[in-house]
C-alpha atoms as a PDB file:
ATOM      1  CA  MET A   1      -0.112  -0.007   0.030  1.00  0.00           C
ATOM      2  CA  GLY A   2       3.001   2.367   0.561  1.00  0.00           C
ATOM      3  CA  LEU A   3       5.869   3.378   2.579  1.00  0.00           C
ATOM      4  CA  TYR A   4       5.313   3.993   6.174  1.00  0.00           C
ATOM      5  CA  GLN A   5       7.022   5.194   9.404  1.00  0.00           C
ATOM      6  CA  LEU A   6       5.909   4.121  12.919  1.00  0.00           C
ATOM      7  CA  THR A   7       6.904   5.946  15.996  1.00  0.00           C
ATOM      8  CA  GLU A   8       6.130   6.189  19.560  1.00  0.00           C
ATOM      9  CA  GLN A   9       4.205   9.220  20.587  1.00  0.00           C
ATOM     10  CA  VAL A  10       5.514  11.569  23.161  1.00  0.00           C
ATOM     11  CA  GLU A  11       4.053  10.823  26.469  1.00  0.00           C
ATOM     12  CA  GLN A  12       5.123  10.074  29.990  1.00  0.00           C
ATOM     13  CA  GLY A  13       6.394   6.580  30.750  1.00  0.00           C
ATOM     14  CA  LYS A  14       9.418   4.788  31.984  1.00  0.00           C
ATOM     15  CA  ASN A  15      10.754   4.390  28.457  1.00  0.00           C
ATOM     16  CA  ARG A  16       9.512   7.426  27.049  1.00  0.00           C
ATOM     17  CA  VAL A  17       9.521  10.829  29.004  1.00  0.00           C
ATOM     18  CA  ASN A  18      10.603   9.212  32.363  1.00  0.00           C
ATOM     19  CA  ILE A  19       8.945  11.544  34.816  1.00  0.00           C
ATOM     20  CA  ASP A  20       6.672  11.000  37.755  1.00  0.00           C
ATOM     21  CA  GLY A  21       3.144  10.383  36.348  1.00  0.00           C
ATOM     22  CA  ARG A  22       1.318  12.147  39.196  1.00  0.00           C
ATOM     23  CA  GLN A  23       3.689  15.000  40.116  1.00  0.00           C
ATOM     24  CA  GLY A  24       5.887  15.605  37.096  1.00  0.00           C
ATOM     25  CA  TRP A  25       4.868  17.894  34.013  1.00  0.00           C
ATOM     26  CA  LEU A  26       4.958  17.242  30.474  1.00  0.00           C
ATOM     27  CA  LEU A  27       3.629  20.131  28.422  1.00  0.00           C
ATOM     28  CA  SER A  28       3.097  20.685  24.801  1.00  0.00           C
ATOM     29  CA  LEU A  29       3.290  24.217  23.332  1.00  0.00           C
ATOM     30  CA  ASP A  30       1.090  23.852  20.412  1.00  0.00           C
ATOM     31  CA  VAL A  31      -1.579  26.137  18.958  1.00  0.00           C
ATOM     32  CA  ASP A  32      -3.810  23.158  17.690  1.00  0.00           C
ATOM     33  CA  ASP A  33      -4.006  21.950  21.372  1.00  0.00           C
ATOM     34  CA  GLY A  34      -4.155  25.260  23.093  1.00  0.00           C
ATOM     35  CA  PRO A  35      -7.186  27.199  24.185  1.00  0.00           C
ATOM     36  CA  SER A  36      -7.730  29.047  20.853  1.00  0.00           C
ATOM     37  CA  GLU A  37      -8.009  25.970  18.661  1.00  0.00           C
ATOM     38  CA  ALA A  38      -9.327  23.580  21.298  1.00  0.00           C
ATOM     39  CA  PRO A  39     -11.514  25.786  23.595  1.00  0.00           C
ATOM     40  CA  GLU A  40     -13.497  22.925  24.902  1.00  0.00           C
ATOM     41  CA  ALA A  41     -10.610  21.248  26.316  1.00  0.00           C
ATOM     42  CA  THR A  42     -10.179  21.303  30.142  1.00  0.00           C
ATOM     43  CA  ASP A  43      -6.227  20.677  30.070  1.00  0.00           C
ATOM     44  CA  ASN A  44      -5.096  23.528  28.231  1.00  0.00           C
ATOM     45  CA  PHE A  45      -4.258  27.103  29.145  1.00  0.00           C
ATOM     46  CA  TRP A  46      -2.376  30.348  28.044  1.00  0.00           C
ATOM     47  CA  SER A  47       0.983  30.658  29.619  1.00  0.00           C
ATOM     48  CA  GLU A  48       1.396  33.616  32.164  1.00  0.00           C
ATOM     49  CA  VAL A  49       4.299  35.773  30.588  1.00  0.00           C
ATOM     50  CA  TYR A  50       4.413  34.990  26.750  1.00  0.00           C
ATOM     51  CA  HIS A  51       0.668  33.886  26.245  1.00  0.00           C
ATOM     52  CA  LEU A  52       1.796  30.621  24.637  1.00  0.00           C
ATOM     53  CA  PRO A  53      -0.809  27.973  23.957  1.00  0.00           C
ATOM     54  CA  VAL A  54      -0.086  25.167  26.455  1.00  0.00           C
ATOM     55  CA  CYS A  55      -1.609  21.790  26.776  1.00  0.00           C
ATOM     56  CA  VAL A  56      -0.884  19.444  29.658  1.00  0.00           C
ATOM     57  CA  LYS A  57       0.097  15.939  28.491  1.00  0.00           C
ATOM     58  CA  SER A  58       0.948  14.670  31.912  1.00  0.00           C
ATOM     59  CA  PRO A  59      -0.493  14.234  34.587  1.00  0.00           C
ATOM     60  CA  GLU A  60      -3.737  13.159  33.535  1.00  0.00           C
ATOM     61  CA  VAL A  61      -6.630  14.987  35.213  1.00  0.00           C
ATOM     62  CA  THR A  62      -7.679  11.739  37.003  1.00  0.00           C
ATOM     63  CA  ASP A  63      -4.067  11.130  38.157  1.00  0.00           C
ATOM     64  CA  TYR A  64      -3.559  14.669  39.611  1.00  0.00           C
ATOM     65  CA  ALA A  65      -4.137  15.256  43.353  1.00  0.00           C
ATOM     66  CA  ASN A  66      -6.358  18.446  42.855  1.00  0.00           C
ATOM     67  CA  PRO A  67      -7.901  18.061  39.244  1.00  0.00           C
ATOM     68  CA  SER A  68      -9.671  21.430  39.440  1.00  0.00           C
ATOM     69  CA  THR A  69      -6.203  23.180  39.807  1.00  0.00           C
ATOM     70  CA  LEU A  70      -4.352  21.234  37.246  1.00  0.00           C
ATOM     71  CA  THR A  71      -4.000  23.912  34.561  1.00  0.00           C
ATOM     72  CA  ALA A  72      -3.576  26.750  37.305  1.00  0.00           C
ATOM     73  CA  ASP A  73      -0.810  24.659  38.798  1.00  0.00           C
ATOM     74  CA  ALA A  74       0.917  23.975  35.297  1.00  0.00           C
ATOM     75  CA  GLN A  75       0.783  27.614  34.549  1.00  0.00           C
ATOM     76  CA  LEU A  76       2.460  28.476  37.699  1.00  0.00           C
ATOM     77  CA  ALA A  77       5.106  25.909  37.311  1.00  0.00           C
ATOM     78  CA  LEU A  78       5.845  27.054  33.810  1.00  0.00           C
ATOM     79  CA  GLY A  79       5.548  30.631  34.836  1.00  0.00           C
ATOM     80  CA  SER A  80       8.923  30.320  36.740  1.00  0.00           C
ATOM     81  CA  LEU A  81      10.725  29.184  33.734  1.00  0.00           C
ATOM     82  CA  GLU A  82       9.154  32.045  31.724  1.00  0.00           C
ATOM     83  CA  HIS A  83      10.190  34.585  34.186  1.00  0.00           C
ATOM     84  CA  ALA A  84      13.672  33.482  34.181  1.00  0.00           C
ATOM     85  CA  ILE A  85      13.949  33.684  30.329  1.00  0.00           C
ATOM     86  CA  GLN A  86      12.070  37.026  30.300  1.00  0.00           C
ATOM     87  CA  ASN A  87      14.662  38.385  32.686  1.00  0.00           C
ATOM     88  CA  HIS A  88      17.573  36.675  30.646  1.00  0.00           C
ATOM     89  CA  ASP A  89      19.301  36.041  33.856  1.00  0.00           C
ATOM     90  CA  TYR A  90      21.647  33.088  32.886  1.00  0.00           C
ATOM     91  CA  GLU A  91      22.404  32.070  36.446  1.00  0.00           C
ATOM     92  CA  ALA A  92      18.720  32.054  37.609  1.00  0.00           C
ATOM     93  CA  LEU A  93      17.845  30.018  34.550  1.00  0.00           C
ATOM     94  CA  SER A  94      20.633  27.463  35.272  1.00  0.00           C
ATOM     95  CA  LYS A  95      18.859  26.732  38.558  1.00  0.00           C
ATOM     96  CA  ILE A  96      15.511  25.876  37.166  1.00  0.00           C
ATOM     97  CA  CYS A  97      16.328  24.762  33.513  1.00  0.00           C
ATOM     98  CA  ASN A  98      18.801  22.296  31.890  1.00  0.00           C
ATOM     99  CA  VAL A  99      20.382  25.080  29.803  1.00  0.00           C
ATOM    100  CA  PRO A 100      22.738  22.686  27.716  1.00  0.00           C
ATOM    101  CA  VAL A 101      19.717  20.921  26.447  1.00  0.00           C
ATOM    102  CA  MET A 102      17.886  23.885  25.844  1.00  0.00           C
ATOM    103  CA  ILE A 103      20.707  25.134  23.745  1.00  0.00           C
ATOM    104  CA  ASP A 104      20.926  21.957  21.728  1.00  0.00           C
ATOM    105  CA  TYR A 105      17.308  22.066  21.227  1.00  0.00           C
ATOM    106  CA  LEU A 106      17.298  25.654  19.751  1.00  0.00           C
ATOM    107  CA  LEU A 107      20.282  24.948  17.689  1.00  0.00           C
ATOM    108  CA  ILE A 108      18.584  21.939  16.065  1.00  0.00           C
ATOM    109  CA  GLN A 109      15.473  23.961  15.432  1.00  0.00           C
ATOM    110  CA  GLU A 110      17.495  26.467  13.415  1.00  0.00           C
ATOM    111  CA  LEU A 111      19.696  24.258  11.718  1.00  0.00           C
ATOM    112  CA  VAL A 112      16.823  22.399  10.003  1.00  0.00           C
ATOM    113  CA  TYR A 113      14.849  25.770   9.736  1.00  0.00           C
ATOM    114  CA  ASN A 114      11.775  24.213  11.642  1.00  0.00           C
ATOM    115  CA  VAL A 115       9.311  26.918  11.265  1.00  0.00           C
ATOM    116  CA  GLU A 116       6.840  25.106  13.705  1.00  0.00           C
ATOM    117  CA  VAL A 117       8.689  26.871  16.450  1.00  0.00           C
ATOM    118  CA  ALA A 118       7.014  30.195  15.273  1.00  0.00           C
ATOM    119  CA  ALA A 119       3.580  28.791  15.548  1.00  0.00           C
ATOM    120  CA  PRO A 120       4.415  27.130  18.030  1.00  0.00           C
ATOM    121  CA  ARG A 121       3.506  23.539  17.252  1.00  0.00           C
ATOM    122  CA  SER A 122       4.923  20.360  18.563  1.00  0.00           C
ATOM    123  CA  ILE A 123       7.229  21.925  21.159  1.00  0.00           C
ATOM    124  CA  PHE A 124       7.577  19.771  24.170  1.00  0.00           C
ATOM    125  CA  LEU A 125       8.929  20.723  27.721  1.00  0.00           C
ATOM    126  CA  PHE A 126       9.059  18.463  30.959  1.00  0.00           C
ATOM    127  CA  LYS A 127      10.236  18.384  34.408  1.00  0.00           C
ATOM    128  CA  ASP A 128      10.040  15.656  37.057  1.00  0.00           C
ATOM    129  CA  LYS A 129       8.619  16.255  40.519  1.00  0.00           C
ATOM    130  CA  GLY A 130      10.332  18.407  43.228  1.00  0.00           C
ATOM    131  CA  ASP A 131      13.223  20.677  42.255  1.00  0.00           C
ATOM    132  CA  ALA A 132      13.887  18.784  39.028  1.00  0.00           C
ATOM    133  CA  LEU A 133      15.094  21.086  36.039  1.00  0.00           C
ATOM    134  CA  TRP A 134      12.847  22.129  33.220  1.00  0.00           C
ATOM    135  CA  THR A 135      14.085  20.259  30.015  1.00  0.00           C
ATOM    136  CA  PHE A 136      13.196  21.157  26.526  1.00  0.00           C
ATOM    137  CA  GLY A 137      12.241  18.138  24.379  1.00  0.00           C
ATOM    138  CA  PRO A 138      11.698  15.625  23.156  1.00  0.00           C
ATOM    139  CA  LEU A 139      12.341  16.711  19.719  1.00  0.00           C
ATOM    140  CA  TRP A 140       9.143  16.178  17.541  1.00  0.00           C
ATOM    141  CA  ASP A 141       7.688  16.851  14.028  1.00  0.00           C
ATOM    142  CA  PHE A 142      10.035  18.295  11.620  1.00  0.00           C
ATOM    143  CA  ASP A 143       7.959  17.868   8.420  1.00  0.00           C
ATOM    144  CA  ALA A 144       7.853  21.707   8.319  1.00  0.00           C
ATOM    145  CA  GLY A 145      11.603  21.975   8.185  1.00  0.00           C
ATOM    146  CA  TYR A 146      14.236  22.075   5.435  1.00  0.00           C
ATOM    147  CA  ASP A 147      12.666  24.999   3.738  1.00  0.00           C
ATOM    148  CA  PHE A 148       9.470  23.216   3.236  1.00  0.00           C
ATOM    149  CA  ASP A 149       7.155  25.246   0.631  1.00  0.00           C
ATOM    150  CA  TRP A 150       4.020  26.010   2.355  1.00  0.00           C
ATOM    151  CA  ALA A 151       2.604  27.991  -0.579  1.00  0.00           C
ATOM    152  CA  HIS A 152       2.119  25.039  -2.711  1.00  0.00           C
ATOM    153  CA  MET A 153       1.679  22.276  -0.009  1.00  0.00           C
ATOM    154  CA  THR A 154      -1.580  21.095  -1.478  1.00  0.00           C
ATOM    155  CA  THR A 155      -0.177  20.340  -5.039  1.00  0.00           C
ATOM    156  CA  GLY A 156       3.375  18.913  -4.020  1.00  0.00           C
ATOM    157  CA  HIS A 157       5.844  18.874  -1.339  1.00  0.00           C
ATOM    158  CA  THR A 158       8.975  20.893  -2.099  1.00  0.00           C
ATOM    159  CA  PHE A 159      12.074  21.424   0.198  1.00  0.00           C
ATOM    160  CA  PHE A 160      15.533  22.599  -0.013  1.00  0.00           C
ATOM    161  CA  THR A 161      15.123  25.780  -2.092  1.00  0.00           C
ATOM    162  CA  SER A 162      16.852  28.179   0.111  1.00  0.00           C
ATOM    163  CA  TYR A 163      19.341  27.679   3.057  1.00  0.00           C
ATOM    164  CA  ARG A 164      19.545  31.181   4.055  1.00  0.00           C
ATOM    165  CA  GLU A 165      16.203  31.652   5.955  1.00  0.00           C
ATOM    166  CA  THR A 166      15.782  31.696   9.778  1.00  0.00           C
ATOM    167  CA  VAL A 167      13.233  31.084  12.218  1.00  0.00           C
ATOM    168  CA  LEU A 168      15.104  32.030  15.527  1.00  0.00           C
ATOM    169  CA  GLY A 169      16.901  34.751  13.561  1.00  0.00           C
ATOM    170  CA  THR A 170      20.487  36.306  12.832  1.00  0.00           C
ATOM    171  CA  ASP A 171      19.617  38.414  15.935  1.00  0.00           C
ATOM    172  CA  PRO A 172      17.139  36.386  17.996  1.00  0.00           C
ATOM    173  CA  ALA A 173      16.786  38.985  20.897  1.00  0.00           C
ATOM    174  CA  ARG A 174      15.640  41.732  18.288  1.00  0.00           C
ATOM    175  CA  HIS A 175      13.552  39.287  16.102  1.00  0.00           C
ATOM    176  CA  VAL A 176      15.642  39.885  13.078  1.00  0.00           C
ATOM    177  CA  SER A 177      14.285  36.729  11.313  1.00  0.00           C
ATOM    178  CA  ASN A 178      12.162  35.485   8.448  1.00  0.00           C
ATOM    179  CA  TYR A 179       9.686  34.570  11.158  1.00  0.00           C
ATOM    180  CA  ASP A 180       9.724  37.912  13.345  1.00  0.00           C
ATOM    181  CA  TYR A 181       6.686  36.645  15.312  1.00  0.00           C
ATOM    182  CA  THR A 182       8.433  33.710  16.719  1.00  0.00           C
ATOM    183  CA  SER A 183       7.703  34.046  20.588  1.00  0.00           C
ATOM    184  CA  SER A 184      10.295  35.768  22.617  1.00  0.00           C
ATOM    185  CA  PHE A 185      10.091  32.743  24.849  1.00  0.00           C
ATOM    186  CA  PHE A 186      12.713  31.187  22.478  1.00  0.00           C
ATOM    187  CA  THR A 187      14.681  34.230  21.900  1.00  0.00           C
ATOM    188  CA  ASP A 188      15.034  36.317  24.948  1.00  0.00           C
ATOM    189  CA  MET A 189      17.933  34.616  26.357  1.00  0.00           C
ATOM    190  CA  TRP A 190      20.030  35.962  23.584  1.00  0.00           C
ATOM    191  CA  LYS A 191      19.927  39.098  25.549  1.00  0.00           C
ATOM    192  CA  SER A 192      22.236  37.193  27.975  1.00  0.00           C
ATOM    193  CA  PRO A 193      26.031  37.485  27.033  1.00  0.00           C
ATOM    194  CA  GLU A 194      26.516  34.279  29.006  1.00  0.00           C
ATOM    195  CA  PHE A 195      23.945  32.300  27.041  1.00  0.00           C
ATOM    196  CA  VAL A 196      25.144  33.699  23.651  1.00  0.00           C
ATOM    197  CA  GLY A 197      28.717  32.555  24.675  1.00  0.00           C
ATOM    198  CA  ALA A 198      27.423  29.118  25.516  1.00  0.00           C
ATOM    199  CA  VAL A 199      25.483  28.841  22.434  1.00  0.00           C
ATOM    200  CA  LYS A 200      28.637  29.767  20.339  1.00  0.00           C
ATOM    201  CA  ALA A 201      30.845  27.339  22.088  1.00  0.00           C
ATOM    202  CA  ARG A 202      28.119  24.556  21.786  1.00  0.00           C
ATOM    203  CA  TRP A 203      27.900  25.114  17.926  1.00  0.00           C
ATOM    204  CA  LYS A 204      31.769  24.755  17.547  1.00  0.00           C
ATOM    205  CA  GLN A 205      31.697  21.542  19.499  1.00  0.00           C
ATOM    206  CA  ILE A 206      28.957  20.024  17.286  1.00  0.00           C
ATOM    207  CA  ARG A 207      29.030  21.486  13.889  1.00  0.00           C
ATOM    208  CA  SER A 208      31.874  19.183  12.505  1.00  0.00           C
ATOM    209  CA  ARG A 209      29.765  16.143  13.620  1.00  0.00           C
ATOM    210  CA  ILE A 210      26.780  17.077  11.417  1.00  0.00           C
ATOM    211  CA  LEU A 211      28.089  16.005   8.196  1.00  0.00           C
ATOM    212  CA  ALA A 212      30.886  13.621   9.593  1.00  0.00           C
ATOM    213  CA  GLU A 213      28.658  11.530  11.853  1.00  0.00           C
ATOM    214  CA  PHE A 214      24.978  12.495  11.835  1.00  0.00           C
ATOM    215  CA  TRP A 215      24.271  12.678   8.045  1.00  0.00           C
ATOM    216  CA  PRO A 216      26.132   9.308   7.456  1.00  0.00           C
ATOM    217  CA  GLU A 217      23.813   7.782  10.005  1.00  0.00           C
ATOM    218  CA  THR A 218      20.795   9.313   8.162  1.00  0.00           C
ATOM    219  CA  ARG A 219      21.951   7.763   4.834  1.00  0.00           C
ATOM    220  CA  LEU A 220      21.913   4.208   6.507  1.00  0.00           C
ATOM    221  CA  TYR A 221      18.123   4.728   6.723  1.00  0.00           C
ATOM    222  CA  ALA A 222      17.903   5.692   3.048  1.00  0.00           C
ATOM    223  CA  THR A 223      20.207   2.878   1.944  1.00  0.00           C
ATOM    224  CA  ALA A 224      18.058   0.229   3.944  1.00  0.00           C
ATOM    225  CA  ALA A 225      14.783   1.506   2.613  1.00  0.00           C
ATOM    226  CA  SER A 226      15.931   2.082  -1.007  1.00  0.00           C
ATOM    227  CA  ASP A 227      14.056  -0.911  -2.429  1.00  0.00           C
ATOM    228  CA  ALA A 228      10.929  -0.046  -0.710  1.00  0.00           C
ATOM    229  CA  MET A 229      11.120   3.517  -1.774  1.00  0.00           C
ATOM    230  CA  ALA A 230      11.526   2.256  -5.353  1.00  0.00           C
ATOM    231  CA  ARG A 231       8.350   0.252  -4.886  1.00  0.00           C
ATOM    232  CA  ASN A 232       6.542   3.193  -3.317  1.00  0.00           C
ATOM    233  CA  ALA A 233       7.378   5.355  -6.081  1.00  0.00           C
ATOM    234  CA  ARG A 234       5.639   2.763  -8.571  1.00  0.00           C
ATOM    235  CA  ARG A 235       2.663   2.563  -6.451  1.00  0.00           C
ATOM    236  CA  TRP A 236       2.396   6.163  -5.720  1.00  0.00           C
ATOM    237  CA  PRO A 237       4.103   8.212  -8.803  1.00  0.00           C
ATOM    238  CA  ILE A 238       4.899  11.747  -8.015  1.00  0.00           C
ATOM    239  CA  ASP A 239       7.059  14.431  -9.737  1.00  0.00           C
ATOM    240  CA  LYS A 240      10.055  13.572  -7.459  1.00  0.00           C
ATOM    241  CA  GLN A 241      12.579  10.977  -7.357  1.00  0.00           C
ATOM    242  CA  TYR A 242      14.009   9.709  -3.963  1.00  0.00           C
ATOM    243  CA  ALA A 243      17.543   9.657  -4.806  1.00  0.00           C
ATOM    244  CA  THR A 244      17.496  13.121  -6.225  1.00  0.00           C
ATOM    245  CA  GLU A 245      15.753  14.593  -3.156  1.00  0.00           C
ATOM    246  CA  ILE A 246      18.083  12.773  -0.827  1.00  0.00           C
ATOM    247  CA  ASN A 247      21.077  14.370  -2.656  1.00  0.00           C
ATOM    248  CA  ARG A 248      19.299  17.774  -2.482  1.00  0.00           C
ATOM    249  CA  MET A 249      18.904  17.228   1.222  1.00  0.00           C
ATOM    250  CA  GLU A 250      22.601  16.542   1.716  1.00  0.00           C
ATOM    251  CA  LYS A 251      23.563  19.491  -0.411  1.00  0.00           C
ATOM    252  CA  TRP A 252      21.105  21.658   1.734  1.00  0.00           C
ATOM    253  CA  ILE A 253      22.533  20.529   4.945  1.00  0.00           C
ATOM    254  CA  SER A 254      26.060  21.093   3.865  1.00  0.00           C
ATOM    255  CA  SER A 255      25.271  24.601   2.822  1.00  0.00           C
ATOM    256  CA  ARG A 256      23.229  25.139   5.949  1.00  0.00           C
ATOM    257  CA  VAL A 257      26.084  24.220   8.323  1.00  0.00           C
ATOM    258  CA  VAL A 258      28.250  26.786   6.632  1.00  0.00           C
ATOM    259  CA  TYR A 259      25.491  29.411   6.808  1.00  0.00           C
ATOM    260  CA  MET A 260      24.960  28.344  10.506  1.00  0.00           C
ATOM    261  CA  ASP A 261      28.776  29.062  11.127  1.00  0.00           C
ATOM    262  CA  TYR A 262      28.074  32.773   9.790  1.00  0.00           C
ATOM    263  CA  ILE A 263      24.826  33.043  11.868  1.00  0.00           C
ATOM    264  CA  VAL A 264      26.439  31.803  15.066  1.00  0.00           C
ATOM    265  CA  ASP A 265      29.725  33.730  14.769  1.00  0.00           C
ATOM    266  CA  ASN A 266      27.714  36.855  14.110  1.00  0.00           C
ATOM    267  CA  TYR A 267      25.097  36.630  17.037  1.00  0.00           C
ATOM    268  CA  PRO A 268      25.194  39.848  18.942  1.00  0.00           C
ATOM    269  CA  THR A 269      26.905  39.347  22.356  1.00  0.00           C
ATOM    270  CA  GLY A 270      23.925  40.282  24.459  1.00  0.00           C
ATOM    271  CA  HIS A 271      23.330  43.134  26.638  1.00  0.00           C
END
């Protein structure tokens, strides 16, 4: 019938998001699950500081000690993270958030130009019970990355046209970006010199591994699925060839890494 990919969904569990099912928090920042698009839901709210659409994925209402205060308590818990980001206080943020993971998470979003950050959609955050740190992730849903052409999505799926666009921005704190409406929740920390310095240092650590390690790992999947992709193309013919698109993807990523060097090197140092 076609070529399929099966995955586990993002949810609380020992082998998924391993947090306490009654006292930990797993939140989704997603306009489709938020109060605007799902007003009838009882597990969503607008965040306190940045007015983000938030849905509580865990705990379930029936598992929570005080079901009537579930969303209010989640809003309060997330608010502490929002205030730290709004104040762009690196030391304060480090006490409540896993900053290295946050940096990796945001660098990946920009590397693949995942425009869903701007909505936002499919952005997850979690923390375990007690004094556990807020953690960005798991990563999820990248079908809108790699310069996907939204304008013609009903007639074809086109990627990889330009590698020079940004979602967080060349100057994130001032929203100098193709998506200048991306929430400041994702960009206010670029006002912190310490944070910008940590971002630059982390990029230097990982940039050479993208093409040397990560892309070859990706090609293994393409090789393993090559026969199935050929059968899929015969069953569902479209105006694109798998081999061509995979080569375009490699070229796009290669160019993007070089462009990211320029972006990261030229991030303003904060204020």
